[in-house]
Every structure is written in C-alpha cells, then in structure tokens.
Amino acid sequence: MQKILIIEDEPNIRELVLYNLSQNGYEGLSAEDGLQGLSVARSDKPDLILLDIMLPGKNGYDICKELRAEGSKTPIIMLTARNEEIDKVLGLEFGADDYIAKPFGIRELMARIKAVLRRYESNGEQEASGNGSVAANGAGIVIGELTINIERHEVILAGKSLELTLKEFDLLRVLAENRGRVMTRDQLLDKVWGFEYIGETRTVDVHVRYLRKKLGDEDNEGKYIQTVRGVGYKMP
C-alpha cells in the first residue's frame, strides 16, 4: 500500500484528505506543522507528500528545499492558499512536482495524486529496466550541448549537470523526443501529467518558464525551447 503524507495545519482539511486517501486505497500519514512534517517525511519515507505552504514551525518552501537538498526524489504536490502565480512558481522552483490551489475538490486532488504517482513509477521502471529512447552509444538524446540521459534520468548542459524536478525532466524529454514538432499545451499535459490530470494549461507555461531558466534559454525563440504563439512549444 502506497503511503501519502499530508503536512497541513488546518485539521478539517487534514482529516478530509486522510479519509479520502483511505477510501482510495492509500495509507495516509499526517503532520500538523512543518517541523513534524519534515521529521515524518524523513522517517516514514512516504511515496508522495501533500505539502501546505503556510505552516507553523517551518514553511512548505523550506521543507521542499531541504528534502531536495538531501537527495529525496519523493514527489511533492504543494497546496497553495491563494491562486497566485508566485505561490506556484516558487513551489516549482524549490523542487515541487505539482501544485493545487485551495479550495480544491477531492476528486481533482485524487486525480492529481494518481497521475503523479503513475508518472513517477513509470520513470522508475524505465531506470530499472534500462528502457527508454536512448541512443546506441548510451548517451541518450543529444541536442547541441544538451544531453538528456533517460536511463540515468539526468540532463547535462555544456558539461554541467542540471537539477531538474521530475516534471521538468519529463517535459524536456517529451519535447526532445518530438523535436521539430509543435506540441500543444493539451498534448504536453497529457504526456507529462497523465490523461487524468485535471488542470489548467497555465501549468505547462510555468514549467516551461523555469525549465528555460535552468537551460539558460529564456528567449521565446530560444535555442532549446521555442514558443509557437497560440499553439504551444517545440524544440527546433
């Protein structure tokens, strides 16, 4: 049974989520403040973390940063109190895999959890089996100074390793595998977040923005990711 940890200081939300996790076949873990949440995340090794941003003791951003700095690849879905882009962007920048704004519907939350876990498991199976779109020389997909090694789940740019979140890596991989082809936002949502993902196409734009920043490619007509206005994105 997969374990999901919710770090949330509002008891009503915490109890509602825990109940629905159990009804959907998950083992629910909970913490009501940031320090307790960080401790549980380290000791119980959950399969996914639902992380509120505004927490007593230690905020969600700091928890996310600390876990990623320790090498944790546990997928994290941030729970944002406001539907503001800054909350979403900061969460993604600090290593979160997805976000959902309060108030949220339970069906949407469960769909997000399922989609993130499925994508995470799929990547894990590729790494374990050595399958994936890897070139014959084992280097992976090579575009200029950019190398995407799917087997090792790593990205090298000009000889330096890039630290990407799970979703950033998946997004880059999908664009690279479809190089020269324009991918719509809906297509990217489907391939990266999963067909059950219920979200705004704005999610894609935020991830692209931060992926470009890490690639040093923030121009809309950039070297690695280009914007096709009114349609989506492509790798030239």
C-alpha atoms as a PDB file:
ATOM      1  CA  MET A   1       0.000   0.000   0.000  1.00  0.00           C
ATOM      2  CA  GLN A   2       1.392   3.356  -1.011  1.00  0.00           C
ATOM      3  CA  LYS A   3       1.923   5.887   1.759  1.00  0.00           C
ATOM      4  CA  ILE A   4       0.935   9.512   1.318  1.00  0.00           C
ATOM      5  CA  LEU A   5       1.895  12.182   3.812  1.00  0.00           C
ATOM      6  CA  ILE A   6      -0.166  15.346   4.183  1.00  0.00           C
ATOM      7  CA  ILE A   7       1.528  18.226   6.005  1.00  0.00           C
ATOM      8  CA  GLU A   8      -1.314  20.636   6.761  1.00  0.00           C
ATOM      9  CA  ASP A   9      -2.130  22.728   9.837  1.00  0.00           C
ATOM     10  CA  GLU A  10      -5.876  23.001   9.181  1.00  0.00           C
ATOM     11  CA  PRO A  11      -7.468  19.967  10.923  1.00  0.00           C
ATOM     12  CA  ASN A  12     -10.606  19.927   8.757  1.00  0.00           C
ATOM     13  CA  ILE A  13      -8.590  19.714   5.545  1.00  0.00           C
ATOM     14  CA  ARG A  14      -6.201  17.186   7.055  1.00  0.00           C
ATOM     15  CA  GLU A  15      -8.973  14.874   8.230  1.00  0.00           C
ATOM     16  CA  LEU A  16     -10.910  15.147   4.968  1.00  0.00           C
ATOM     17  CA  VAL A  17      -7.851  14.251   2.914  1.00  0.00           C
ATOM     18  CA  LEU A  18      -6.877  11.373   5.223  1.00  0.00           C
ATOM     19  CA  TYR A  19     -10.376   9.907   4.988  1.00  0.00           C
ATOM     20  CA  ASN A  20     -10.379  10.060   1.196  1.00  0.00           C
ATOM     21  CA  LEU A  21      -6.872   8.623   0.969  1.00  0.00           C
ATOM     22  CA  SER A  22      -8.034   5.556   2.915  1.00  0.00           C
ATOM     23  CA  GLN A  23     -11.131   5.265   0.727  1.00  0.00           C
ATOM     24  CA  ASN A  24      -8.908   5.228  -2.365  1.00  0.00           C
ATOM     25  CA  GLY A  25      -6.543   2.525  -1.127  1.00  0.00           C
ATOM     26  CA  TYR A  26      -3.700   4.625   0.255  1.00  0.00           C
ATOM     27  CA  GLU A  27      -2.134   4.673   3.704  1.00  0.00           C
ATOM     28  CA  GLY A  28      -2.430   8.224   4.983  1.00  0.00           C
ATOM     29  CA  LEU A  29       0.173   9.869   7.202  1.00  0.00           C
ATOM     30  CA  SER A  30      -0.222  13.349   8.634  1.00  0.00           C
ATOM     31  CA  ALA A  31       1.599  16.182  10.344  1.00  0.00           C
ATOM     32  CA  GLU A  32       0.191  19.469  11.596  1.00  0.00           C
ATOM     33  CA  ASP A  33       3.301  21.640  11.441  1.00  0.00           C
ATOM     34  CA  GLY A  34       6.425  21.956   9.357  1.00  0.00           C
ATOM     35  CA  LEU A  35       8.947  20.500  11.805  1.00  0.00           C
ATOM     36  CA  GLN A  36       6.810  17.434  12.478  1.00  0.00           C
ATOM     37  CA  GLY A  37       6.163  17.030   8.767  1.00  0.00           C
ATOM     38  CA  LEU A  38       9.856  17.104   7.905  1.00  0.00           C
ATOM     39  CA  SER A  39      10.539  14.503  10.585  1.00  0.00           C
ATOM     40  CA  VAL A  40       7.795  12.166   9.318  1.00  0.00           C
ATOM     41  CA  ALA A  41       8.962  12.597   5.714  1.00  0.00           C
ATOM     42  CA  ARG A  42      12.461  11.522   6.715  1.00  0.00           C
ATOM     43  CA  SER A  43      11.487   8.622   8.956  1.00  0.00           C
ATOM     44  CA  ASP A  44       8.476   7.085   7.181  1.00  0.00           C
ATOM     45  CA  LYS A  45       9.632   7.556   3.560  1.00  0.00           C
ATOM     46  CA  PRO A  46       6.195   8.265   2.018  1.00  0.00           C
ATOM     47  CA  ASP A  47       5.551   7.637  -1.674  1.00  0.00           C
ATOM     48  CA  LEU A  48       4.139  11.159  -2.099  1.00  0.00           C
ATOM     49  CA  ILE A  49       3.846  14.318   0.008  1.00  0.00           C
ATOM     50  CA  LEU A  50       0.977  16.816   0.023  1.00  0.00           C
ATOM     51  CA  LEU A  51       2.635  19.935   1.363  1.00  0.00           C
ATOM     52  CA  ASP A  52       0.915  23.108   2.516  1.00  0.00           C
ATOM     53  CA  ILE A  53       2.909  26.303   2.058  1.00  0.00           C
ATOM     54  CA  MET A  54       1.896  28.303   5.129  1.00  0.00           C
ATOM     55  CA  LEU A  55       2.797  26.135   8.121  1.00  0.00           C
ATOM     56  CA  PRO A  56       3.842  26.833  11.719  1.00  0.00           C
ATOM     57  CA  GLY A  57       7.409  25.920  12.593  1.00  0.00           C
ATOM     58  CA  LYS A  58       8.745  25.661   9.043  1.00  0.00           C
ATOM     59  CA  ASN A  59       7.037  26.664   5.810  1.00  0.00           C
ATOM     60  CA  GLY A  60       6.439  24.390   2.848  1.00  0.00           C
ATOM     61  CA  TYR A  61       9.060  26.052   0.666  1.00  0.00           C
ATOM     62  CA  ASP A  62      11.805  25.347   3.221  1.00  0.00           C
ATOM     63  CA  ILE A  63      10.647  21.746   3.697  1.00  0.00           C
ATOM     64  CA  CYS A  64      10.719  21.186  -0.052  1.00  0.00           C
ATOM     65  CA  LYS A  65      14.186  22.729  -0.382  1.00  0.00           C
ATOM     66  CA  GLU A  66      15.597  20.667   2.495  1.00  0.00           C
ATOM     67  CA  LEU A  67      14.239  17.369   1.187  1.00  0.00           C
ATOM     68  CA  ARG A  68      15.579  18.026  -2.303  1.00  0.00           C
ATOM     69  CA  ALA A  69      18.964  19.093  -0.906  1.00  0.00           C
ATOM     70  CA  GLU A  70      19.103  15.768   0.953  1.00  0.00           C
ATOM     71  CA  GLY A  71      18.583  13.931  -2.323  1.00  0.00           C
ATOM     72  CA  SER A  72      14.935  12.982  -1.804  1.00  0.00           C
ATOM     73  CA  LYS A  73      13.075  12.313  -5.065  1.00  0.00           C
ATOM     74  CA  THR A  74       9.712  11.787  -3.372  1.00  0.00           C
ATOM     75  CA  PRO A  75       7.083  13.555  -5.495  1.00  0.00           C
ATOM     76  CA  ILE A  76       5.645  16.654  -3.804  1.00  0.00           C
ATOM     77  CA  ILE A  77       2.335  18.355  -4.531  1.00  0.00           C
ATOM     78  CA  MET A  78       2.166  21.836  -2.997  1.00  0.00           C
ATOM     79  CA  LEU A  79      -1.114  23.057  -1.507  1.00  0.00           C
ATOM     80  CA  THR A  80      -1.346  26.793  -2.153  1.00  0.00           C
ATOM     81  CA  ALA A  81      -3.634  29.018  -0.098  1.00  0.00           C
ATOM     82  CA  ARG A  82      -4.023  31.539  -2.903  1.00  0.00           C
ATOM     83  CA  ASN A  83      -4.419  31.036  -6.622  1.00  0.00           C
ATOM     84  CA  GLU A  84      -1.494  33.331  -7.305  1.00  0.00           C
ATOM     85  CA  GLU A  85       1.265  32.570  -9.770  1.00  0.00           C
ATOM     86  CA  ILE A  86       4.029  33.477  -7.300  1.00  0.00           C
ATOM     87  CA  ASP A  87       2.969  30.621  -4.996  1.00  0.00           C
ATOM     88  CA  LYS A  88       3.040  28.154  -7.860  1.00  0.00           C
ATOM     89  CA  VAL A  89       6.285  29.401  -9.358  1.00  0.00           C
ATOM     90  CA  LEU A  90       8.183  29.376  -6.071  1.00  0.00           C
ATOM     91  CA  GLY A  91       6.963  25.859  -5.315  1.00  0.00           C
ATOM     92  CA  LEU A  92       8.198  24.595  -8.679  1.00  0.00           C
ATOM     93  CA  GLU A  93      11.480  26.455  -8.288  1.00  0.00           C
ATOM     94  CA  PHE A  94      12.120  24.769  -4.940  1.00  0.00           C
ATOM     95  CA  GLY A  95      11.556  21.303  -6.375  1.00  0.00           C
ATOM     96  CA  ALA A  96       7.823  20.569  -6.159  1.00  0.00           C
ATOM     97  CA  ASP A  97       6.363  18.363  -8.887  1.00  0.00           C
ATOM     98  CA  ASP A  98       2.878  19.873  -8.975  1.00  0.00           C
ATOM     99  CA  TYR A  99       0.558  22.234  -7.115  1.00  0.00           C
ATOM    100  CA  ILE A 100      -3.138  22.558  -6.383  1.00  0.00           C
ATOM    101  CA  ALA A 101      -4.862  25.720  -5.152  1.00  0.00           C
ATOM    102  CA  LYS A 102      -7.243  25.820  -2.194  1.00  0.00           C
ATOM    103  CA  PRO A 103     -10.129  25.327  -2.092  1.00  0.00           C
ATOM    104  CA  PHE A 104      -9.746  22.160  -4.131  1.00  0.00           C
ATOM    105  CA  GLY A 105     -12.132  19.345  -4.955  1.00  0.00           C
ATOM    106  CA  ILE A 106     -11.322  15.904  -3.589  1.00  0.00           C
ATOM    107  CA  ARG A 107     -11.824  14.260  -6.989  1.00  0.00           C
ATOM    108  CA  GLU A 108      -9.307  16.651  -8.521  1.00  0.00           C
ATOM    109  CA  LEU A 109      -6.827  16.026  -5.711  1.00  0.00           C
ATOM    110  CA  MET A 110      -7.122  12.244  -6.076  1.00  0.00           C
ATOM    111  CA  ALA A 111      -6.654  12.538  -9.835  1.00  0.00           C
ATOM    112  CA  ARG A 112      -3.516  14.635  -9.339  1.00  0.00           C
ATOM    113  CA  ILE A 113      -2.125  12.119  -6.827  1.00  0.00           C
ATOM    114  CA  LYS A 114      -2.789   9.188  -9.139  1.00  0.00           C
ATOM    115  CA  ALA A 115      -1.259  10.940 -12.152  1.00  0.00           C
ATOM    116  CA  VAL A 116       1.906  11.998 -10.281  1.00  0.00           C
ATOM    117  CA  LEU A 117       2.420   8.546  -8.777  1.00  0.00           C
ATOM    118  CA  ARG A 118       1.862   6.848 -12.112  1.00  0.00           C
ATOM    119  CA  ARG A 119       4.377   9.101 -13.850  1.00  0.00           C
ATOM    120  CA  TYR A 120       6.897   8.633 -11.046  1.00  0.00           C
ATOM    121  CA  GLU A 121       6.530   4.832 -11.165  1.00  0.00           C
ATOM    122  CA  SER A 122       6.854   4.834 -14.947  1.00  0.00           C
ATOM    123  CA  ASN A 123      10.159   6.685 -14.744  1.00  0.00           C
ATOM    124  CA  GLY A 124      11.369   4.332 -12.030  1.00  0.00           C
ATOM    125  CA  GLU A 125      10.583   1.301 -14.193  1.00  0.00           C
ATOM    126  CA  GLN A 126      12.473   2.831 -17.125  1.00  0.00           C
ATOM    127  CA  GLU A 127      15.518   3.412 -14.953  1.00  0.00           C
ATOM    128  CA  ALA A 128      15.395  -0.109 -13.511  1.00  0.00           C
ATOM    129  CA  SER A 129      14.970  -1.840 -16.856  1.00  0.00           C
ATOM    130  CA  GLY A 130      17.248   0.426 -18.865  1.00  0.00           C
ATOM    131  CA  ASN A 131      14.460   1.018 -21.374  1.00  0.00           C
ATOM    132  CA  GLY A 132      13.696   4.354 -22.997  1.00  0.00           C
ATOM    133  CA  SER A 133      14.728   6.410 -26.009  1.00  0.00           C
ATOM    134  CA  VAL A 134      18.478   6.040 -25.500  1.00  0.00           C
ATOM    135  CA  ALA A 135      20.888   6.334 -28.389  1.00  0.00           C
ATOM    136  CA  ALA A 136      23.057   3.351 -29.319  1.00  0.00           C
ATOM    137  CA  ASN A 137      26.112   4.926 -27.711  1.00  0.00           C
ATOM    138  CA  GLY A 138      24.270   5.171 -24.381  1.00  0.00           C
ATOM    139  CA  ALA A 139      24.466   8.959 -24.337  1.00  0.00           C
ATOM    140  CA  GLY A 140      20.719   9.459 -24.762  1.00  0.00           C
ATOM    141  CA  ILE A 141      19.223  12.360 -26.696  1.00  0.00           C
ATOM    142  CA  VAL A 142      21.861  14.889 -27.750  1.00  0.00           C
ATOM    143  CA  ILE A 143      20.909  18.356 -28.989  1.00  0.00           C
ATOM    144  CA  GLY A 144      23.871  20.695 -29.298  1.00  0.00           C
ATOM    145  CA  GLU A 145      25.486  20.963 -25.874  1.00  0.00           C
ATOM    146  CA  LEU A 146      22.429  19.378 -24.238  1.00  0.00           C
ATOM    147  CA  THR A 147      22.358  15.655 -23.389  1.00  0.00           C
ATOM    148  CA  ILE A 148      19.238  14.008 -21.945  1.00  0.00           C
ATOM    149  CA  ASN A 149      20.094  10.606 -20.495  1.00  0.00           C
ATOM    150  CA  ILE A 150      16.763   8.863 -19.957  1.00  0.00           C
ATOM    151  CA  GLU A 151      18.301   5.717 -18.488  1.00  0.00           C
ATOM    152  CA  ARG A 152      20.101   7.680 -15.771  1.00  0.00           C
ATOM    153  CA  HIS A 153      17.401  10.341 -15.521  1.00  0.00           C
ATOM    154  CA  GLU A 154      19.907  13.166 -15.830  1.00  0.00           C
ATOM    155  CA  VAL A 155      20.488  16.197 -18.024  1.00  0.00           C
ATOM    156  CA  ILE A 156      23.911  17.575 -18.909  1.00  0.00           C
ATOM    157  CA  LEU A 157      24.357  21.041 -20.430  1.00  0.00           C
ATOM    158  CA  ALA A 158      27.801  22.106 -21.588  1.00  0.00           C
ATOM    159  CA  GLY A 159      29.378  19.505 -19.322  1.00  0.00           C
ATOM    160  CA  LYS A 160      27.406  20.520 -16.227  1.00  0.00           C
ATOM    161  CA  SER A 161      24.612  18.502 -14.619  1.00  0.00           C
ATOM    162  CA  LEU A 162      21.247  20.278 -14.278  1.00  0.00           C
ATOM    163  CA  GLU A 163      19.000  19.790 -11.259  1.00  0.00           C
ATOM    164  CA  LEU A 164      15.502  19.283 -12.681  1.00  0.00           C
ATOM    165  CA  THR A 165      12.276  18.318 -10.969  1.00  0.00           C
ATOM    166  CA  LEU A 166      10.526  15.170 -12.151  1.00  0.00           C
ATOM    167  CA  LYS A 167       8.043  17.176 -14.218  1.00  0.00           C
ATOM    168  CA  GLU A 168      10.752  19.383 -15.730  1.00  0.00           C
ATOM    169  CA  PHE A 169      12.670  16.301 -16.828  1.00  0.00           C
ATOM    170  CA  ASP A 170       9.550  14.692 -18.313  1.00  0.00           C
ATOM    171  CA  LEU A 171       8.649  17.909 -20.120  1.00  0.00           C
ATOM    172  CA  LEU A 172      12.131  18.247 -21.600  1.00  0.00           C
ATOM    173  CA  ARG A 173      12.172  14.575 -22.602  1.00  0.00           C
ATOM    174  CA  VAL A 174       8.804  14.790 -24.387  1.00  0.00           C
ATOM    175  CA  LEU A 175       9.829  17.919 -26.288  1.00  0.00           C
ATOM    176  CA  ALA A 176      13.159  16.341 -27.257  1.00  0.00           C
ATOM    177  CA  GLU A 177      11.541  13.089 -28.396  1.00  0.00           C
ATOM    178  CA  ASN A 178       9.244  15.168 -30.607  1.00  0.00           C
ATOM    179  CA  ARG A 179      11.930  17.548 -31.810  1.00  0.00           C
ATOM    180  CA  GLY A 180      10.761  19.734 -34.701  1.00  0.00           C
ATOM    181  CA  ARG A 181       7.114  19.021 -33.934  1.00  0.00           C
ATOM    182  CA  VAL A 182       4.887  21.613 -32.278  1.00  0.00           C
ATOM    183  CA  MET A 183       3.362  20.199 -29.082  1.00  0.00           C
ATOM    184  CA  THR A 184       0.165  21.867 -27.869  1.00  0.00           C
ATOM    185  CA  ARG A 185      -0.301  22.584 -24.173  1.00  0.00           C
ATOM    186  CA  ASP A 186      -3.027  19.943 -24.004  1.00  0.00           C
ATOM    187  CA  GLN A 187      -0.717  17.356 -25.584  1.00  0.00           C
ATOM    188  CA  LEU A 188       2.005  18.202 -23.071  1.00  0.00           C
ATOM    189  CA  LEU A 189      -0.466  17.965 -20.185  1.00  0.00           C
ATOM    190  CA  ASP A 190      -1.499  14.549 -21.453  1.00  0.00           C
ATOM    191  CA  LYS A 191       2.030  13.189 -21.946  1.00  0.00           C
ATOM    192  CA  VAL A 192       3.697  14.717 -18.893  1.00  0.00           C
ATOM    193  CA  TRP A 193       0.935  14.911 -16.286  1.00  0.00           C
ATOM    194  CA  GLY A 194      -1.157  11.973 -17.476  1.00  0.00           C
ATOM    195  CA  PHE A 195      -4.557  11.708 -19.122  1.00  0.00           C
ATOM    196  CA  GLU A 196      -6.393  12.022 -15.808  1.00  0.00           C
ATOM    197  CA  TYR A 197      -4.680  15.278 -14.921  1.00  0.00           C
ATOM    198  CA  ILE A 198      -7.288  17.955 -14.316  1.00  0.00           C
ATOM    199  CA  GLY A 199      -5.549  21.294 -14.504  1.00  0.00           C
ATOM    200  CA  GLU A 200      -5.009  24.490 -16.388  1.00  0.00           C
ATOM    201  CA  THR A 201      -2.737  24.680 -19.399  1.00  0.00           C
ATOM    202  CA  ARG A 202      -1.062  27.503 -17.452  1.00  0.00           C
ATOM    203  CA  THR A 203       0.710  24.691 -15.594  1.00  0.00           C
ATOM    204  CA  VAL A 204       2.677  23.948 -18.753  1.00  0.00           C
ATOM    205  CA  ASP A 205       3.685  27.603 -19.183  1.00  0.00           C
ATOM    206  CA  VAL A 206       5.035  27.827 -15.622  1.00  0.00           C
ATOM    207  CA  HIS A 207       7.089  24.655 -16.022  1.00  0.00           C
ATOM    208  CA  VAL A 208       8.435  25.780 -19.394  1.00  0.00           C
ATOM    209  CA  ARG A 209       9.475  29.116 -17.910  1.00  0.00           C
ATOM    210  CA  TYR A 210      11.549  27.504 -15.177  1.00  0.00           C
ATOM    211  CA  LEU A 211      12.933  24.838 -17.463  1.00  0.00           C
ATOM    212  CA  ARG A 212      14.110  27.587 -19.814  1.00  0.00           C
ATOM    213  CA  LYS A 213      15.730  29.407 -16.913  1.00  0.00           C
ATOM    214  CA  LYS A 214      17.731  26.307 -15.997  1.00  0.00           C
ATOM    215  CA  LEU A 215      18.724  25.837 -19.640  1.00  0.00           C
ATOM    216  CA  GLY A 216      19.791  29.481 -19.905  1.00  0.00           C
ATOM    217  CA  ASP A 217      17.251  29.715 -22.697  1.00  0.00           C
ATOM    218  CA  GLU A 218      14.679  32.308 -21.627  1.00  0.00           C
ATOM    219  CA  ASP A 219      14.098  33.822 -25.086  1.00  0.00           C
ATOM    220  CA  ASN A 220      10.754  32.804 -26.632  1.00  0.00           C
ATOM    221  CA  GLU A 221      12.678  31.980 -29.793  1.00  0.00           C
ATOM    222  CA  GLY A 222      15.368  30.256 -27.764  1.00  0.00           C
ATOM    223  CA  LYS A 223      17.954  27.682 -28.672  1.00  0.00           C
ATOM    224  CA  TYR A 224      16.235  24.754 -26.998  1.00  0.00           C
ATOM    225  CA  ILE A 225      12.564  25.582 -26.450  1.00  0.00           C
ATOM    226  CA  GLN A 226      10.605  27.808 -28.804  1.00  0.00           C
ATOM    227  CA  THR A 227       7.119  29.254 -28.295  1.00  0.00           C
ATOM    228  CA  VAL A 228       4.690  28.817 -31.170  1.00  0.00           C
ATOM    229  CA  ARG A 229       2.162  31.527 -30.400  1.00  0.00           C
ATOM    230  CA  GLY A 230      -1.387  30.362 -29.955  1.00  0.00           C
ATOM    231  CA  VAL A 231      -0.353  26.725 -30.236  1.00  0.00           C
ATOM    232  CA  GLY A 232       2.320  25.500 -27.834  1.00  0.00           C
ATOM    233  CA  TYR A 233       6.051  24.711 -27.756  1.00  0.00           C
ATOM    234  CA  LYS A 234       8.702  22.865 -29.741  1.00  0.00           C
ATOM    235  CA  MET A 235      12.383  22.056 -29.750  1.00  0.00           C
ATOM    236  CA  PRO A 236      13.936  23.229 -33.047  1.00  0.00           C
END
